[in-house]
PDB file of N, CA and C in Angstrom:
ATOM      1  N   MET A   1       0.813  -1.224   0.042  1.00  0.00           N
ATOM      2  CA  MET A   1       0.048  -0.035   0.018  1.00  0.00           C
ATOM      3  C   MET A   1       0.849   1.314  -0.062  1.00  0.00           C
ATOM      4  N   GLU A   2       1.926   1.213   0.701  1.00  0.00           N
ATOM      5  CA  GLU A   2       2.909   2.358   0.732  1.00  0.00           C
ATOM      6  C   GLU A   2       3.400   2.680  -0.667  1.00  0.00           C
ATOM      7  N   SER A   3       3.755   1.709  -1.415  1.00  0.00           N
ATOM      8  CA  SER A   3       4.197   1.986  -2.749  1.00  0.00           C
ATOM      9  C   SER A   3       3.274   2.541  -3.687  1.00  0.00           C
ATOM     10  N   LEU A   4       1.932   2.197  -3.435  1.00  0.00           N
ATOM     11  CA  LEU A   4       0.908   2.840  -4.250  1.00  0.00           C
ATOM     12  C   LEU A   4       0.655   4.236  -3.895  1.00  0.00           C
ATOM     13  N   ALA A   5       0.734   4.565  -2.685  1.00  0.00           N
ATOM     14  CA  ALA A   5       0.592   5.980  -2.215  1.00  0.00           C
ATOM     15  C   ALA A   5       1.845   6.789  -2.737  1.00  0.00           C
ATOM     16  N   LEU A   6       3.066   6.186  -2.754  1.00  0.00           N
ATOM     17  CA  LEU A   6       4.152   6.862  -3.297  1.00  0.00           C
ATOM     18  C   LEU A   6       4.048   7.138  -4.697  1.00  0.00           C
ATOM     19  N   LEU A   7       3.437   6.110  -5.460  1.00  0.00           N
ATOM     20  CA  LEU A   7       3.373   6.260  -6.902  1.00  0.00           C
ATOM     21  C   LEU A   7       2.369   7.346  -7.244  1.00  0.00           C
ATOM     22  N   VAL A   8       1.243   7.429  -6.494  1.00  0.00           N
ATOM     23  CA  VAL A   8       0.188   8.407  -6.709  1.00  0.00           C
ATOM     24  C   VAL A   8       0.826   9.880  -6.449  1.00  0.00           C
ATOM     25  N   SER A   9       1.628   9.885  -5.350  1.00  0.00           N
ATOM     26  CA  SER A   9       2.223  11.283  -4.988  1.00  0.00           C
ATOM     27  C   SER A   9       3.215  11.632  -6.028  1.00  0.00           C
ATOM     28  N   ILE A  10       3.879  10.687  -6.633  1.00  0.00           N
ATOM     29  CA  ILE A  10       4.931  11.104  -7.641  1.00  0.00           C
ATOM     30  C   ILE A  10       4.108  11.609  -8.917  1.00  0.00           C
ATOM     31  N   ILE A  11       3.068  10.986  -9.206  1.00  0.00           N
ATOM     32  CA  ILE A  11       2.206  11.383 -10.426  1.00  0.00           C
ATOM     33  C   ILE A  11       1.577  12.748 -10.199  1.00  0.00           C
ATOM     34  N   VAL A  12       1.037  12.947  -9.026  1.00  0.00           N
ATOM     35  CA  VAL A  12       0.201  14.127  -8.819  1.00  0.00           C
ATOM     36  C   VAL A  12       1.120  15.423  -8.442  1.00  0.00           C
ATOM     37  N   PHE A  13       2.362  15.156  -7.932  1.00  0.00           N
ATOM     38  CA  PHE A  13       3.153  16.246  -7.453  1.00  0.00           C
ATOM     39  C   PHE A  13       3.491  17.283  -8.592  1.00  0.00           C
ATOM     40  N   PRO A  14       3.903  16.909  -9.808  1.00  0.00           N
ATOM     41  CA  PRO A  14       4.253  17.930 -10.709  1.00  0.00           C
ATOM     42  C   PRO A  14       3.031  18.788 -11.127  1.00  0.00           C
ATOM     43  N   ALA A  15       1.894  18.245 -11.145  1.00  0.00           N
ATOM     44  CA  ALA A  15       0.683  19.054 -11.612  1.00  0.00           C
ATOM     45  C   ALA A  15       0.272  19.924 -10.409  1.00  0.00           C
ATOM     46  N   MET A  16       0.284  19.412  -9.232  1.00  0.00           N
ATOM     47  CA  MET A  16      -0.195  20.160  -8.097  1.00  0.00           C
ATOM     48  C   MET A  16       0.763  21.286  -7.657  1.00  0.00           C
ATOM     49  N   PHE A  17       2.132  21.040  -7.744  1.00  0.00           N
ATOM     50  CA  PHE A  17       3.045  22.013  -7.235  1.00  0.00           C
ATOM     51  C   PHE A  17       4.021  22.535  -8.286  1.00  0.00           C
ATOM     52  N   GLY A  18       4.214  21.853  -9.320  1.00  0.00           N
ATOM     53  CA  GLY A  18       5.158  22.331 -10.312  1.00  0.00           C
ATOM     54  C   GLY A  18       4.647  23.566 -11.125  1.00  0.00           C
ATOM     55  N   GLY A  19       3.366  23.535 -11.409  1.00  0.00           N
ATOM     56  CA  GLY A  19       2.814  24.695 -12.189  1.00  0.00           C
ATOM     57  C   GLY A  19       2.731  25.919 -11.380  1.00  0.00           C
ATOM     58  N   PRO A  20       2.210  25.892 -10.143  1.00  0.00           N
ATOM     59  CA  PRO A  20       2.236  27.076  -9.264  1.00  0.00           C
ATOM     60  C   PRO A  20       3.706  27.638  -8.938  1.00  0.00           C
ATOM     61  N   ILE A  21       4.631  26.645  -8.773  1.00  0.00           N
ATOM     62  CA  ILE A  21       5.966  27.142  -8.496  1.00  0.00           C
ATOM     63  C   ILE A  21       6.504  27.844  -9.706  1.00  0.00           C
ATOM     64  N   ALA A  22       6.285  27.293 -10.973  1.00  0.00           N
ATOM     65  CA  ALA A  22       6.755  27.870 -12.152  1.00  0.00           C
ATOM     66  C   ALA A  22       6.027  29.229 -12.429  1.00  0.00           C
ATOM     67  N   LEU A  23       4.801  29.324 -12.018  1.00  0.00           N
ATOM     68  CA  LEU A  23       4.128  30.637 -12.169  1.00  0.00           C
ATOM     69  C   LEU A  23       4.646  31.686 -11.191  1.00  0.00           C
ATOM     70  N   LEU A  24       4.881  31.251  -9.958  1.00  0.00           N
ATOM     71  CA  LEU A  24       5.544  32.161  -9.020  1.00  0.00           C
ATOM     72  C   LEU A  24       6.907  32.699  -9.447  1.00  0.00           C
ATOM     73  N   LEU A  25       7.580  31.745  -9.947  1.00  0.00           N
ATOM     74  CA  LEU A  25       9.014  32.099 -10.454  1.00  0.00           C
ATOM     75  C   LEU A  25       8.991  33.093 -11.664  1.00  0.00           C
ATOM     76  N   SER A  26       7.974  32.994 -12.560  1.00  0.00           N
ATOM     77  CA  SER A  26       7.794  33.799 -13.605  1.00  0.00           C
ATOM     78  C   SER A  26       7.179  35.121 -13.443  1.00  0.00           C
ATOM     79  N   LEU A  27       6.460  35.272 -12.228  1.00  0.00           N
ATOM     80  CA  LEU A  27       5.710  36.564 -12.069  1.00  0.00           C
ATOM     81  C   LEU A  27       6.697  37.591 -11.621  1.00  0.00           C
ATOM     82  N   TYR A  28       7.655  37.340 -10.772  1.00  0.00           N
ATOM     83  CA  TYR A  28       8.649  38.321 -10.377  1.00  0.00           C
ATOM     84  C   TYR A  28       9.728  38.457 -11.458  1.00  0.00           C
ATOM     85  N   ARG A  29       9.753  39.618 -12.190  1.00  0.00           N
ATOM     86  CA  ARG A  29      10.702  39.780 -13.222  1.00  0.00           C
ATOM     87  C   ARG A  29      11.732  40.911 -12.932  1.00  0.00           C
ATOM     88  N   PRO A  30      12.918  40.365 -12.581  1.00  0.00           N
ATOM     89  CA  PRO A  30      13.975  41.361 -12.415  1.00  0.00           C
ATOM     90  C   PRO A  30      14.443  41.964 -13.785  1.00  0.00           C
ATOM     91  N   ALA A  31      15.328  42.832 -13.730  1.00  0.00           N
ATOM     92  CA  ALA A  31      15.932  43.497 -15.053  1.00  0.00           C
ATOM     93  C   ALA A  31      16.344  42.429 -16.060  1.00  0.00           C
ATOM     94  N   SER A  32      17.167  41.412 -15.484  1.00  0.00           N
ATOM     95  CA  SER A  32      17.557  40.390 -16.329  1.00  0.00           C
ATOM     96  C   SER A  32      17.405  39.062 -15.616  1.00  0.00           C
ATOM     97  N   MET A  33      16.741  38.186 -16.181  1.00  0.00           N
ATOM     98  CA  MET A  33      16.526  36.813 -15.538  1.00  0.00           C
ATOM     99  C   MET A  33      17.601  35.850 -15.890  1.00  0.00           C
ATOM    100  N   SER A  34      18.114  35.147 -14.950  1.00  0.00           N
ATOM    101  CA  SER A  34      19.219  34.201 -15.097  1.00  0.00           C
ATOM    102  C   SER A  34      18.685  33.071 -16.020  1.00  0.00           C
ATOM    103  N   HIS A  35      19.649  32.505 -16.667  1.00  0.00           N
ATOM    104  CA  HIS A  35      19.416  31.322 -17.668  1.00  0.00           C
ATOM    105  C   HIS A  35      18.916  30.161 -16.726  1.00  0.00           C
ATOM    106  N   PHE A  36      19.525  30.006 -15.531  1.00  0.00           N
ATOM    107  CA  PHE A  36      19.141  28.893 -14.692  1.00  0.00           C
ATOM    108  C   PHE A  36      17.656  29.011 -14.277  1.00  0.00           C
ATOM    109  N   ARG A  37      17.226  30.151 -13.964  1.00  0.00           N
ATOM    110  CA  ARG A  37      15.874  30.347 -13.583  1.00  0.00           C
ATOM    111  C   ARG A  37      14.870  30.177 -14.698  1.00  0.00           C
ATOM    112  N   ARG A  38      15.311  30.652 -15.898  1.00  0.00           N
ATOM    113  CA  ARG A  38      14.481  30.411 -17.078  1.00  0.00           C
ATOM    114  C   ARG A  38      14.333  28.983 -17.378  1.00  0.00           C
ATOM    115  N   ILE A  39      15.330  28.234 -17.304  1.00  0.00           N
ATOM    116  CA  ILE A  39      15.343  26.827 -17.609  1.00  0.00           C
ATOM    117  C   ILE A  39      14.532  26.069 -16.496  1.00  0.00           C
ATOM    118  N   LEU A  40      14.587  26.494 -15.291  1.00  0.00           N
ATOM    119  CA  LEU A  40      13.812  25.874 -14.228  1.00  0.00           C
ATOM    120  C   LEU A  40      12.332  26.094 -14.417  1.00  0.00           C
ATOM    121  N   ILE A  41      12.046  27.359 -14.879  1.00  0.00           N
ATOM    122  CA  ILE A  41      10.550  27.648 -15.147  1.00  0.00           C
ATOM    123  C   ILE A  41      10.057  26.741 -16.233  1.00  0.00           C
ATOM    124  N   ILE A  42      10.818  26.611 -17.340  1.00  0.00           N
ATOM    125  CA  ILE A  42      10.462  25.844 -18.563  1.00  0.00           C
ATOM    126  C   ILE A  42      10.237  24.409 -18.085  1.00  0.00           C
ATOM    127  N   ILE A  43      11.153  23.839 -17.332  1.00  0.00           N
ATOM    128  CA  ILE A  43      11.048  22.390 -16.880  1.00  0.00           C
ATOM    129  C   ILE A  43       9.768  22.217 -16.053  1.00  0.00           C
ATOM    130  N   PHE A  44       9.575  23.085 -14.986  1.00  0.00           N
ATOM    131  CA  PHE A  44       8.407  22.926 -14.190  1.00  0.00           C
ATOM    132  C   PHE A  44       7.146  23.125 -14.981  1.00  0.00           C
ATOM    133  N   ALA A  45       7.060  24.093 -15.874  1.00  0.00           N
ATOM    134  CA  ALA A  45       5.944  24.352 -16.658  1.00  0.00           C
ATOM    135  C   ALA A  45       5.578  23.237 -17.629  1.00  0.00           C
ATOM    136  N   ILE A  46       6.535  22.674 -18.282  1.00  0.00           N
ATOM    137  CA  ILE A  46       6.217  21.582 -19.349  1.00  0.00           C
ATOM    138  C   ILE A  46       5.899  20.342 -18.506  1.00  0.00           C
ATOM    139  N   LEU A  47       6.537  20.063 -17.449  1.00  0.00           N
ATOM    140  CA  LEU A  47       6.240  18.894 -16.723  1.00  0.00           C
ATOM    141  C   LEU A  47       4.821  18.969 -16.093  1.00  0.00           C
ATOM    142  N   SER A  48       4.374  20.111 -15.571  1.00  0.00           N
ATOM    143  CA  SER A  48       3.049  20.257 -15.001  1.00  0.00           C
ATOM    144  C   SER A  48       1.995  20.232 -16.017  1.00  0.00           C
ATOM    145  N   SER A  49       2.329  20.742 -17.237  1.00  0.00           N
ATOM    146  CA  SER A  49       1.412  20.734 -18.363  1.00  0.00           C
ATOM    147  C   SER A  49       1.090  19.249 -18.748  1.00  0.00           C
ATOM    148  N   ILE A  50       2.215  18.566 -18.913  1.00  0.00           N
ATOM    149  CA  ILE A  50       2.091  17.100 -19.433  1.00  0.00           C
ATOM    150  C   ILE A  50       1.251  16.337 -18.443  1.00  0.00           C
ATOM    151  N   VAL A  51       1.605  16.455 -17.184  1.00  0.00           N
ATOM    152  CA  VAL A  51       0.869  15.670 -16.157  1.00  0.00           C
ATOM    153  C   VAL A  51      -0.572  16.171 -16.031  1.00  0.00           C
ATOM    154  N   GLY A  52      -0.751  17.421 -16.255  1.00  0.00           N
ATOM    155  CA  GLY A  52      -2.106  18.023 -16.117  1.00  0.00           C
ATOM    156  C   GLY A  52      -3.010  17.461 -17.199  1.00  0.00           C
ATOM    157  N   ILE A  53      -2.386  17.446 -18.410  1.00  0.00           N
ATOM    158  CA  ILE A  53      -3.183  16.807 -19.624  1.00  0.00           C
ATOM    159  C   ILE A  53      -3.401  15.355 -19.410  1.00  0.00           C
ATOM    160  N   PHE A  54      -2.439  14.623 -18.874  1.00  0.00           N
ATOM    161  CA  PHE A  54      -2.732  13.202 -18.542  1.00  0.00           C
ATOM    162  C   PHE A  54      -3.790  13.040 -17.570  1.00  0.00           C
ATOM    163  N   LEU A  55      -3.779  13.792 -16.572  1.00  0.00           N
ATOM    164  CA  LEU A  55      -4.868  13.703 -15.503  1.00  0.00           C
ATOM    165  C   LEU A  55      -6.247  14.051 -16.089  1.00  0.00           C
ATOM    166  N   LEU A  56      -6.290  15.096 -16.898  1.00  0.00           N
ATOM    167  CA  LEU A  56      -7.537  15.443 -17.543  1.00  0.00           C
ATOM    168  C   LEU A  56      -8.078  14.385 -18.605  1.00  0.00           C
ATOM    169  N   ILE A  57      -7.160  13.834 -19.264  1.00  0.00           N
ATOM    170  CA  ILE A  57      -7.594  12.820 -20.373  1.00  0.00           C
ATOM    171  C   ILE A  57      -7.996  11.529 -19.736  1.00  0.00           C
ATOM    172  N   GLU A  58      -7.326  10.963 -18.610  1.00  0.00           N
ATOM    173  CA  GLU A  58      -7.611   9.810 -17.998  1.00  0.00           C
ATOM    174  C   GLU A  58      -9.005   9.773 -17.288  1.00  0.00           C
ATOM    175  N   ASN A  59      -9.428  10.985 -16.901  1.00  0.00           N
ATOM    176  CA  ASN A  59     -10.834  11.051 -16.273  1.00  0.00           C
ATOM    177  C   ASN A  59     -10.861  10.062 -15.064  1.00  0.00           C
ATOM    178  N   VAL A  60      -9.949  10.116 -14.161  1.00  0.00           N
ATOM    179  CA  VAL A  60      -9.855   9.253 -12.988  1.00  0.00           C
ATOM    180  C   VAL A  60     -10.987   9.610 -11.985  1.00  0.00           C
ATOM    181  N   SER A  61     -10.981  10.847 -11.518  1.00  0.00           N
ATOM    182  CA  SER A  61     -11.916  11.299 -10.598  1.00  0.00           C
ATOM    183  C   SER A  61     -12.080  12.842 -10.773  1.00  0.00           C
ATOM    184  N   ARG A  62     -13.075  13.373 -10.107  1.00  0.00           N
ATOM    185  CA  ARG A  62     -13.252  14.824 -10.190  1.00  0.00           C
ATOM    186  C   ARG A  62     -12.077  15.636  -9.560  1.00  0.00           C
ATOM    187  N   GLY A  63     -11.513  15.128  -8.487  1.00  0.00           N
ATOM    188  CA  GLY A  63     -10.299  15.702  -7.963  1.00  0.00           C
ATOM    189  C   GLY A  63      -9.170  15.638  -8.755  1.00  0.00           C
ATOM    190  N   ALA A  64      -8.992  14.550  -9.495  1.00  0.00           N
ATOM    191  CA  ALA A  64      -7.791  14.486 -10.455  1.00  0.00           C
ATOM    192  C   ALA A  64      -8.015  15.522 -11.632  1.00  0.00           C
ATOM    193  N   ASN A  65      -9.282  15.644 -12.007  1.00  0.00           N
ATOM    194  CA  ASN A  65      -9.562  16.595 -13.180  1.00  0.00           C
ATOM    195  C   ASN A  65      -9.234  18.117 -12.591  1.00  0.00           C
ATOM    196  N   VAL A  66      -9.607  18.405 -11.299  1.00  0.00           N
ATOM    197  CA  VAL A  66      -9.238  19.748 -10.858  1.00  0.00           C
ATOM    198  C   VAL A  66      -7.758  19.961 -10.730  1.00  0.00           C
ATOM    199  N   ILE A  67      -7.034  18.944 -10.282  1.00  0.00           N
ATOM    200  CA  ILE A  67      -5.548  19.060 -10.044  1.00  0.00           C
ATOM    201  C   ILE A  67      -4.951  19.082 -11.483  1.00  0.00           C
ATOM    202  N   GLY A  68      -5.510  18.335 -12.371  1.00  0.00           N
ATOM    203  CA  GLY A  68      -4.984  18.414 -13.860  1.00  0.00           C
ATOM    204  C   GLY A  68      -5.271  19.767 -14.462  1.00  0.00           C
ATOM    205  N   ALA A  69      -6.400  20.361 -14.229  1.00  0.00           N
ATOM    206  CA  ALA A  69      -6.724  21.718 -14.786  1.00  0.00           C
ATOM    207  C   ALA A  69      -5.787  22.779 -14.177  1.00  0.00           C
ATOM    208  N   LEU A  70      -5.579  22.558 -12.797  1.00  0.00           N
ATOM    209  CA  LEU A  70      -4.681  23.500 -12.113  1.00  0.00           C
ATOM    210  C   LEU A  70      -3.258  23.461 -12.628  1.00  0.00           C
ATOM    211  N   GLY A  71      -2.718  22.274 -12.854  1.00  0.00           N
ATOM    212  CA  GLY A  71      -1.368  22.111 -13.379  1.00  0.00           C
ATOM    213  C   GLY A  71      -1.295  22.605 -14.903  1.00  0.00           C
ATOM    214  N   LEU A  72      -2.253  22.316 -15.622  1.00  0.00           N
ATOM    215  CA  LEU A  72      -2.232  22.783 -17.025  1.00  0.00           C
ATOM    216  C   LEU A  72      -2.303  24.258 -17.170  1.00  0.00           C
ATOM    217  N   SER A  73      -3.276  24.877 -16.410  1.00  0.00           N
ATOM    218  CA  SER A  73      -3.428  26.282 -16.497  1.00  0.00           C
ATOM    219  C   SER A  73      -2.244  27.149 -15.963  1.00  0.00           C
ATOM    220  N   THR A  74      -1.719  26.660 -14.833  1.00  0.00           N
ATOM    221  CA  THR A  74      -0.575  27.425 -14.295  1.00  0.00           C
ATOM    222  C   THR A  74       0.757  27.171 -15.054  1.00  0.00           C
ATOM    223  N   GLY A  75       0.932  25.934 -15.621  1.00  0.00           N
ATOM    224  CA  GLY A  75       2.017  25.732 -16.444  1.00  0.00           C
ATOM    225  C   GLY A  75       1.974  26.546 -17.713  1.00  0.00           C
ATOM    226  N   LEU A  76       0.831  26.539 -18.390  1.00  0.00           N
ATOM    227  CA  LEU A  76       0.767  27.379 -19.629  1.00  0.00           C
ATOM    228  C   LEU A  76       0.868  28.833 -19.289  1.00  0.00           C
ATOM    229  N   GLY A  77       0.289  29.273 -18.173  1.00  0.00           N
ATOM    230  CA  GLY A  77       0.392  30.624 -17.730  1.00  0.00           C
ATOM    231  C   GLY A  77       1.842  31.088 -17.503  1.00  0.00           C
ATOM    232  N   SER A  78       2.630  30.251 -16.906  1.00  0.00           N
ATOM    233  CA  SER A  78       4.042  30.573 -16.633  1.00  0.00           C
ATOM    234  C   SER A  78       4.786  30.623 -17.966  1.00  0.00           C
ATOM    235  N   LEU A  79       4.501  29.709 -18.879  1.00  0.00           N
ATOM    236  CA  LEU A  79       5.243  29.795 -20.159  1.00  0.00           C
ATOM    237  C   LEU A  79       4.820  31.042 -20.948  1.00  0.00           C
ATOM    238  N   TRP A  80       3.518  31.476 -20.795  1.00  0.00           N
ATOM    239  CA  TRP A  80       3.090  32.722 -21.452  1.00  0.00           C
ATOM    240  C   TRP A  80       3.730  33.980 -20.818  1.00  0.00           C
ATOM    241  N   GLN A  81       3.878  33.945 -19.480  1.00  0.00           N
ATOM    242  CA  GLN A  81       4.637  34.956 -18.781  1.00  0.00           C
ATOM    243  C   GLN A  81       6.011  35.096 -19.261  1.00  0.00           C
ATOM    244  N   LEU A  82       6.582  33.930 -19.430  1.00  0.00           N
ATOM    245  CA  LEU A  82       8.018  33.867 -19.827  1.00  0.00           C
ATOM    246  C   LEU A  82       8.203  34.361 -21.240  1.00  0.00           C
ATOM    247  N   LYS A  83       7.377  34.070 -22.025  1.00  0.00           N
ATOM    248  CA  LYS A  83       7.452  34.517 -23.478  1.00  0.00           C
ATOM    249  C   LYS A  83       7.193  36.081 -23.515  1.00  0.00           C
ATOM    250  N   ARG A  84       6.162  36.509 -22.779  1.00  0.00           N
ATOM    251  CA  ARG A  84       5.836  37.962 -22.749  1.00  0.00           C
ATOM    252  C   ARG A  84       7.073  38.699 -22.238  1.00  0.00           C
ATOM    253  N   ASP A  85       7.673  38.157 -21.200  1.00  0.00           N
ATOM    254  CA  ASP A  85       8.783  38.868 -20.579  1.00  0.00           C
ATOM    255  C   ASP A  85       9.962  38.956 -21.451  1.00  0.00           C
ATOM    256  N   ARG A  86      10.141  37.994 -22.357  1.00  0.00           N
ATOM    257  CA  ARG A  86      11.264  37.864 -23.255  1.00  0.00           C
ATOM    258  C   ARG A  86      11.105  38.963 -24.401  1.00  0.00           C
ATOM    259  N   LYS A  87       9.808  39.206 -24.804  1.00  0.00           N
ATOM    260  CA  LYS A  87       9.578  40.221 -25.860  1.00  0.00           C
ATOM    261  C   LYS A  87       9.750  41.588 -25.310  1.00  0.00           C
ATOM    262  N   VAL A  88       9.463  41.915 -23.988  1.00  0.00           N
ATOM    263  CA  VAL A  88       9.481  43.217 -23.478  1.00  0.00           C
ATOM    264  C   VAL A  88      10.953  43.635 -23.107  1.00  0.00           C
ATOM    265  N   THR A  89      11.740  42.697 -22.681  1.00  0.00           N
ATOM    266  CA  THR A  89      13.092  43.014 -22.352  1.00  0.00           C
ATOM    267  C   THR A  89      13.947  43.228 -23.699  1.00  0.00           C
ATOM    268  N   PRO A  90      14.639  44.283 -23.741  1.00  0.00           N
ATOM    269  CA  PRO A  90      15.482  44.564 -24.945  1.00  0.00           C
ATOM    270  C   PRO A  90      16.722  43.609 -24.951  1.00  0.00           C
TER     271      PRO A  90
END
């Protein structure tokens, strides 16, 4: 049973926490964003978007759908913020 709980937490973690972390990292925009931070945002955002799509498509439960929608929306939002920031900065 412990291994099943561990597997579920590994599957749900990127969608539940990866997207919001990426969004928080992309909201604060200093004059020049480091390459490490930009790569970290991209990794968190893509991972949470993929897991979010997976949870939405699988239709496991209503809670999984909510977590999937949260991960997908925050992941795409952080990528959008990153793209918008890159255009504004000369």
